[in-house]
N, C-alpha and C. Protein backbone atom coordinates (compact mmCIF):
# COMPACT_ATOMS: atom_id res chain seq x y z
N UNK A 1 -13.98 99.19 -12.18
CA UNK A 1 -15.15 99.23 -13.03
C UNK A 1 -16.03 98.00 -12.83
N UNK A 2 -15.40 96.86 -12.55
CA UNK A 2 -16.23 95.65 -12.37
C UNK A 2 -17.21 95.83 -11.21
N UNK A 3 -16.77 96.52 -10.16
CA UNK A 3 -17.65 96.78 -9.02
C UNK A 3 -18.84 97.62 -9.48
N UNK A 4 -18.58 98.64 -10.29
CA UNK A 4 -19.65 99.52 -10.76
C UNK A 4 -20.57 98.77 -11.71
N UNK A 5 -20.00 98.01 -12.65
CA UNK A 5 -20.84 97.25 -13.58
C UNK A 5 -21.74 96.27 -12.84
N UNK A 6 -21.19 95.65 -11.82
CA UNK A 6 -21.93 94.61 -11.10
C UNK A 6 -23.03 95.18 -10.20
N UNK A 7 -22.77 96.37 -9.62
CA UNK A 7 -23.67 96.85 -8.56
C UNK A 7 -24.34 98.19 -8.83
N UNK A 8 -24.24 98.74 -10.02
CA UNK A 8 -24.76 100.09 -10.24
C UNK A 8 -26.27 100.14 -10.13
N UNK A 9 -26.83 101.27 -9.69
CA UNK A 9 -26.14 102.47 -9.22
C UNK A 9 -25.45 102.19 -7.88
N UNK A 10 -24.29 102.84 -7.69
CA UNK A 10 -23.49 102.57 -6.51
C UNK A 10 -22.82 103.86 -6.04
N UNK A 11 -22.74 104.03 -4.74
CA UNK A 11 -22.13 105.24 -4.19
C UNK A 11 -20.61 105.09 -4.12
N UNK A 12 -19.94 106.21 -4.03
CA UNK A 12 -18.48 106.20 -3.90
C UNK A 12 -18.07 105.41 -2.66
N UNK A 13 -18.79 105.59 -1.57
CA UNK A 13 -18.47 104.86 -0.33
C UNK A 13 -18.59 103.36 -0.52
N UNK A 14 -19.62 102.93 -1.23
CA UNK A 14 -19.80 101.50 -1.50
C UNK A 14 -18.68 100.96 -2.39
N UNK A 15 -18.25 101.77 -3.35
CA UNK A 15 -17.14 101.36 -4.22
C UNK A 15 -15.87 101.19 -3.39
N UNK A 16 -15.59 102.18 -2.54
CA UNK A 16 -14.39 102.11 -1.68
C UNK A 16 -14.44 100.86 -0.81
N UNK A 17 -15.58 100.61 -0.18
CA UNK A 17 -15.71 99.43 0.69
C UNK A 17 -15.48 98.13 -0.08
N UNK A 18 -16.04 98.03 -1.27
CA UNK A 18 -15.88 96.82 -2.08
C UNK A 18 -14.42 96.62 -2.48
N UNK A 19 -13.75 97.70 -2.89
CA UNK A 19 -12.35 97.58 -3.30
C UNK A 19 -11.44 97.24 -2.13
N UNK A 20 -11.67 97.88 -1.00
CA UNK A 20 -10.84 97.61 0.19
C UNK A 20 -11.07 96.18 0.68
N UNK A 21 -12.30 95.69 0.58
CA UNK A 21 -12.59 94.31 0.99
C UNK A 21 -11.83 93.33 0.10
N UNK A 22 -11.71 93.64 -1.19
CA UNK A 22 -11.01 92.76 -2.13
C UNK A 22 -9.50 92.92 -2.02
N UNK A 23 -9.04 94.13 -1.70
CA UNK A 23 -7.60 94.43 -1.63
C UNK A 23 -7.38 95.57 -0.65
N UNK A 24 -6.92 95.26 0.56
CA UNK A 24 -6.77 96.28 1.60
C UNK A 24 -5.79 97.40 1.28
N UNK A 25 -5.02 97.27 0.21
CA UNK A 25 -4.08 98.34 -0.13
C UNK A 25 -4.77 99.53 -0.81
N UNK A 26 -6.04 99.36 -1.24
CA UNK A 26 -6.77 100.49 -1.80
C UNK A 26 -6.99 101.53 -0.71
N UNK A 27 -6.72 102.79 -1.02
CA UNK A 27 -6.94 103.88 -0.08
C UNK A 27 -8.13 104.69 -0.57
N UNK A 28 -9.01 105.13 0.33
CA UNK A 28 -10.20 105.87 -0.09
C UNK A 28 -9.89 107.09 -0.97
N UNK A 29 -8.86 107.86 -0.63
CA UNK A 29 -8.54 109.05 -1.44
C UNK A 29 -8.07 108.66 -2.84
N UNK A 30 -7.30 107.59 -2.92
CA UNK A 30 -6.85 107.10 -4.23
C UNK A 30 -8.04 106.65 -5.05
N UNK A 31 -8.95 105.95 -4.42
CA UNK A 31 -10.15 105.45 -5.11
C UNK A 31 -10.98 106.61 -5.63
N UNK A 32 -11.18 107.62 -4.81
CA UNK A 32 -11.99 108.78 -5.23
C UNK A 32 -11.30 109.54 -6.37
N UNK A 33 -9.98 109.65 -6.31
CA UNK A 33 -9.24 110.30 -7.40
C UNK A 33 -9.40 109.48 -8.70
N UNK A 34 -9.35 108.16 -8.56
CA UNK A 34 -9.52 107.29 -9.72
C UNK A 34 -10.92 107.43 -10.30
N UNK A 35 -11.93 107.50 -9.45
CA UNK A 35 -13.31 107.70 -9.91
C UNK A 35 -13.43 109.01 -10.68
N UNK A 36 -12.79 110.06 -10.17
CA UNK A 36 -12.80 111.36 -10.86
C UNK A 36 -12.17 111.25 -12.25
N UNK A 37 -11.09 110.52 -12.36
CA UNK A 37 -10.44 110.33 -13.67
C UNK A 37 -11.36 109.58 -14.63
N UNK A 38 -12.06 108.57 -14.12
CA UNK A 38 -12.99 107.82 -14.97
C UNK A 38 -14.16 108.68 -15.43
N UNK A 39 -14.59 109.62 -14.58
CA UNK A 39 -15.64 110.56 -14.97
C UNK A 39 -15.11 111.49 -16.06
N UNK A 40 -13.89 112.00 -15.88
CA UNK A 40 -13.29 112.88 -16.88
C UNK A 40 -13.13 112.18 -18.23
N UNK A 41 -12.83 110.88 -18.18
CA UNK A 41 -12.67 110.11 -19.42
C UNK A 41 -14.00 109.66 -20.00
N UNK A 42 -15.09 110.04 -19.35
CA UNK A 42 -16.45 109.72 -19.81
C UNK A 42 -16.73 108.22 -19.81
N UNK A 43 -16.16 107.54 -18.83
CA UNK A 43 -16.41 106.12 -18.63
C UNK A 43 -17.49 105.94 -17.56
N UNK A 44 -17.48 106.86 -16.60
CA UNK A 44 -18.46 106.87 -15.51
C UNK A 44 -19.20 108.20 -15.51
N UNK A 45 -20.39 108.17 -14.97
CA UNK A 45 -21.13 109.39 -14.69
C UNK A 45 -21.59 109.30 -13.25
N UNK A 46 -21.90 110.43 -12.68
CA UNK A 46 -22.38 110.42 -11.31
C UNK A 46 -23.49 111.45 -11.15
N UNK A 47 -24.28 111.22 -10.12
CA UNK A 47 -25.32 112.17 -9.76
C UNK A 47 -25.17 112.47 -8.28
N UNK A 48 -24.95 113.76 -7.95
CA UNK A 48 -24.86 114.08 -6.53
C UNK A 48 -26.26 113.97 -5.89
N UNK A 49 -26.30 113.27 -4.79
CA UNK A 49 -27.54 113.16 -4.02
C UNK A 49 -27.20 113.60 -2.61
N UNK A 50 -27.35 114.91 -2.40
CA UNK A 50 -26.90 115.49 -1.14
C UNK A 50 -25.39 115.48 -1.12
N UNK A 51 -24.81 114.87 -0.09
CA UNK A 51 -23.35 114.79 0.02
C UNK A 51 -22.81 113.47 -0.54
N UNK A 52 -23.68 112.69 -1.16
CA UNK A 52 -23.30 111.39 -1.68
C UNK A 52 -23.29 111.44 -3.21
N UNK A 53 -22.28 110.83 -3.81
CA UNK A 53 -22.22 110.71 -5.27
C UNK A 53 -22.62 109.28 -5.63
N UNK A 54 -23.56 109.18 -6.57
CA UNK A 54 -24.02 107.88 -7.03
C UNK A 54 -23.53 107.69 -8.46
N UNK A 55 -22.79 106.60 -8.70
CA UNK A 55 -22.13 106.37 -9.98
C UNK A 55 -22.87 105.37 -10.84
N UNK A 56 -22.80 105.62 -12.14
CA UNK A 56 -23.34 104.73 -13.17
C UNK A 56 -22.30 104.60 -14.27
N UNK A 57 -22.14 103.42 -14.86
CA UNK A 57 -21.20 103.28 -15.99
C UNK A 57 -21.78 103.91 -17.25
N UNK A 58 -20.91 104.50 -18.05
CA UNK A 58 -21.32 105.04 -19.35
C UNK A 58 -20.93 104.11 -20.49
N UNK A 59 -20.10 103.12 -20.20
CA UNK A 59 -19.70 102.12 -21.19
C UNK A 59 -19.94 100.74 -20.59
N UNK A 60 -20.21 99.79 -21.45
CA UNK A 60 -20.39 98.42 -20.99
C UNK A 60 -19.03 97.76 -20.77
N UNK A 61 -19.05 96.64 -20.11
CA UNK A 61 -17.81 95.89 -19.91
C UNK A 61 -17.22 95.45 -21.26
N UNK A 62 -18.08 95.05 -22.19
CA UNK A 62 -17.62 94.64 -23.51
C UNK A 62 -16.99 95.80 -24.26
N UNK A 63 -17.61 96.98 -24.20
CA UNK A 63 -17.04 98.15 -24.87
C UNK A 63 -15.67 98.50 -24.28
N UNK A 64 -15.56 98.41 -22.98
CA UNK A 64 -14.29 98.69 -22.32
C UNK A 64 -13.23 97.67 -22.73
N UNK A 65 -13.62 96.41 -22.77
CA UNK A 65 -12.69 95.35 -23.18
C UNK A 65 -12.22 95.57 -24.62
N UNK A 66 -13.15 95.95 -25.48
CA UNK A 66 -12.81 96.20 -26.88
C UNK A 66 -11.80 97.34 -27.00
N UNK A 67 -12.08 98.44 -26.31
CA UNK A 67 -11.17 99.60 -26.37
C UNK A 67 -9.81 99.27 -25.79
N UNK A 68 -9.79 98.57 -24.66
CA UNK A 68 -8.52 98.22 -24.02
C UNK A 68 -7.72 97.26 -24.90
N UNK A 69 -8.39 96.32 -25.53
CA UNK A 69 -7.71 95.37 -26.41
C UNK A 69 -7.09 96.07 -27.61
N UNK A 70 -7.85 96.97 -28.22
CA UNK A 70 -7.33 97.72 -29.37
C UNK A 70 -6.13 98.58 -28.95
N UNK A 71 -6.25 99.23 -27.80
CA UNK A 71 -5.17 100.09 -27.31
C UNK A 71 -3.92 99.26 -27.02
N UNK A 72 -4.10 98.11 -26.37
CA UNK A 72 -2.98 97.22 -26.06
C UNK A 72 -2.30 96.74 -27.35
N UNK A 73 -3.10 96.29 -28.29
CA UNK A 73 -2.56 95.79 -29.55
C UNK A 73 -1.76 96.88 -30.26
N UNK A 74 -2.28 98.09 -30.28
CA UNK A 74 -1.60 99.20 -30.95
C UNK A 74 -0.30 99.58 -30.22
N UNK A 75 -0.38 99.74 -28.89
CA UNK A 75 0.79 100.18 -28.12
C UNK A 75 1.90 99.15 -28.08
N UNK A 76 1.55 97.89 -27.86
CA UNK A 76 2.55 96.86 -27.62
C UNK A 76 3.00 96.16 -28.89
N UNK A 77 2.11 95.97 -29.85
CA UNK A 77 2.44 95.20 -31.05
C UNK A 77 2.26 95.99 -32.34
N UNK A 78 2.21 97.31 -32.24
CA UNK A 78 2.09 98.15 -33.42
C UNK A 78 0.83 97.91 -34.22
N UNK A 79 -0.20 97.39 -33.57
CA UNK A 79 -1.48 97.15 -34.23
C UNK A 79 -1.55 95.85 -35.00
N UNK A 80 -0.49 95.05 -34.98
CA UNK A 80 -0.45 93.81 -35.76
C UNK A 80 -0.78 92.59 -34.91
N UNK A 81 -1.71 91.79 -35.39
CA UNK A 81 -2.10 90.58 -34.66
C UNK A 81 -1.04 89.48 -34.71
N UNK A 82 -0.36 89.35 -35.83
CA UNK A 82 0.58 88.24 -36.00
C UNK A 82 1.66 88.20 -34.91
N UNK A 83 2.37 89.30 -34.63
CA UNK A 83 3.38 89.22 -33.58
C UNK A 83 2.77 89.00 -32.19
N UNK A 84 1.54 89.50 -31.98
CA UNK A 84 0.89 89.28 -30.69
C UNK A 84 0.58 87.80 -30.51
N UNK A 85 -0.02 87.18 -31.52
CA UNK A 85 -0.33 85.75 -31.43
C UNK A 85 0.95 84.92 -31.28
N UNK A 86 1.98 85.27 -32.05
CA UNK A 86 3.25 84.54 -31.96
C UNK A 86 3.82 84.65 -30.54
N UNK A 87 3.75 85.82 -29.96
CA UNK A 87 4.27 86.00 -28.60
C UNK A 87 3.53 85.09 -27.62
N UNK A 88 2.21 85.12 -27.66
CA UNK A 88 1.45 84.32 -26.71
C UNK A 88 1.60 82.82 -26.96
N UNK A 89 1.74 82.41 -28.21
CA UNK A 89 1.96 80.99 -28.51
C UNK A 89 3.31 80.56 -27.95
N UNK A 90 4.32 81.41 -28.09
CA UNK A 90 5.66 81.07 -27.60
C UNK A 90 5.75 81.11 -26.08
N UNK A 91 5.04 81.99 -25.43
CA UNK A 91 5.16 82.19 -23.99
C UNK A 91 4.26 81.30 -23.15
N UNK A 92 3.21 80.77 -23.73
CA UNK A 92 2.26 79.96 -22.97
C UNK A 92 2.04 78.63 -23.67
N UNK A 93 1.79 77.61 -22.86
CA UNK A 93 1.47 76.32 -23.46
C UNK A 93 0.06 76.38 -24.04
N UNK A 94 -0.06 75.95 -25.27
CA UNK A 94 -1.36 75.94 -25.92
C UNK A 94 -1.73 74.49 -26.19
N UNK A 95 -2.93 74.15 -25.78
CA UNK A 95 -3.39 72.78 -25.97
C UNK A 95 -3.86 72.58 -27.42
N UNK A 96 -3.99 71.34 -27.80
CA UNK A 96 -4.53 71.03 -29.13
C UNK A 96 -5.93 71.60 -29.27
N UNK A 97 -6.69 71.55 -28.18
CA UNK A 97 -8.05 72.08 -28.18
C UNK A 97 -8.02 73.59 -28.43
N UNK A 98 -7.10 74.30 -27.75
CA UNK A 98 -6.96 75.75 -27.98
C UNK A 98 -6.62 76.03 -29.44
N UNK A 99 -5.68 75.27 -29.99
CA UNK A 99 -5.30 75.46 -31.39
C UNK A 99 -6.48 75.21 -32.32
N UNK A 100 -7.27 74.18 -32.03
CA UNK A 100 -8.44 73.89 -32.86
C UNK A 100 -9.45 75.04 -32.79
N UNK A 101 -9.67 75.58 -31.59
CA UNK A 101 -10.60 76.70 -31.45
C UNK A 101 -10.10 77.93 -32.21
N UNK A 102 -8.80 78.19 -32.13
CA UNK A 102 -8.23 79.31 -32.88
C UNK A 102 -8.39 79.10 -34.38
N UNK A 103 -8.12 77.89 -34.82
CA UNK A 103 -8.27 77.56 -36.24
C UNK A 103 -9.72 77.74 -36.67
N UNK A 104 -10.66 77.29 -35.85
CA UNK A 104 -12.08 77.45 -36.16
C UNK A 104 -12.44 78.94 -36.27
N UNK A 105 -11.92 79.74 -35.35
CA UNK A 105 -12.18 81.18 -35.40
C UNK A 105 -11.65 81.79 -36.69
N UNK A 106 -10.44 81.40 -37.06
CA UNK A 106 -9.82 81.93 -38.27
C UNK A 106 -10.59 81.51 -39.52
N UNK A 107 -11.20 80.34 -39.48
CA UNK A 107 -11.97 79.86 -40.62
C UNK A 107 -13.42 80.32 -40.57
N UNK A 108 -13.76 81.11 -39.56
CA UNK A 108 -15.11 81.65 -39.47
C UNK A 108 -16.12 80.72 -38.86
N UNK A 109 -15.65 79.65 -38.23
CA UNK A 109 -16.55 78.71 -37.58
C UNK A 109 -16.77 79.17 -36.14
N UNK A 110 -17.91 78.83 -35.59
CA UNK A 110 -18.18 79.13 -34.20
C UNK A 110 -17.72 77.95 -33.37
N UNK A 111 -16.80 78.19 -32.39
CA UNK A 111 -16.37 77.08 -31.54
C UNK A 111 -17.55 76.51 -30.76
N UNK A 112 -17.53 75.19 -30.60
CA UNK A 112 -18.60 74.52 -29.88
C UNK A 112 -18.39 74.70 -28.39
N UNK A 113 -19.46 75.11 -27.65
CA UNK A 113 -19.32 75.23 -26.20
C UNK A 113 -19.12 73.85 -25.59
N UNK A 114 -18.20 73.77 -24.63
CA UNK A 114 -17.89 72.47 -24.01
C UNK A 114 -18.63 72.26 -22.71
N UNK A 115 -19.14 73.36 -22.14
CA UNK A 115 -19.79 73.25 -20.85
C UNK A 115 -18.78 73.31 -19.72
N UNK A 116 -17.51 73.24 -20.05
CA UNK A 116 -16.46 73.31 -19.03
C UNK A 116 -15.99 74.75 -18.90
N UNK A 117 -15.57 75.11 -17.70
CA UNK A 117 -15.00 76.42 -17.49
C UNK A 117 -13.60 76.43 -18.09
N UNK A 118 -13.27 77.56 -18.72
CA UNK A 118 -11.93 77.70 -19.30
C UNK A 118 -10.93 77.91 -18.19
N UNK A 119 -9.76 77.36 -18.37
CA UNK A 119 -8.71 77.55 -17.38
C UNK A 119 -8.17 78.97 -17.53
N UNK A 120 -7.74 79.60 -16.43
CA UNK A 120 -7.18 80.95 -16.54
C UNK A 120 -5.91 80.93 -17.35
N UNK A 121 -5.73 81.95 -18.18
CA UNK A 121 -4.51 82.00 -18.98
C UNK A 121 -3.53 82.99 -18.44
């Protein structure tokens, strides 16, 4: 989906090329089957232009992230935030800065931008 969000409108061939360039294990038939599933799920739409299919996203990246987060929380943690937060606190090192930002969020404060890129978690 990131390829489609970044480059839409985009053809199936362009999607396949971008995915294979990033990860050579992607197979064109697998990619096309995956695109069909995303169309069925109403995440993507396409317009046939001759023998070429041109794809457009039907959901934004933020909408997708929101849905995936809710689904993950429900499936893995029974919809409860507390065990999810406890798990991540126990499994990953959290800096004092991270804890302060979390505390600010819980208190309804907006965290101050630092200008620094966040480290991958």
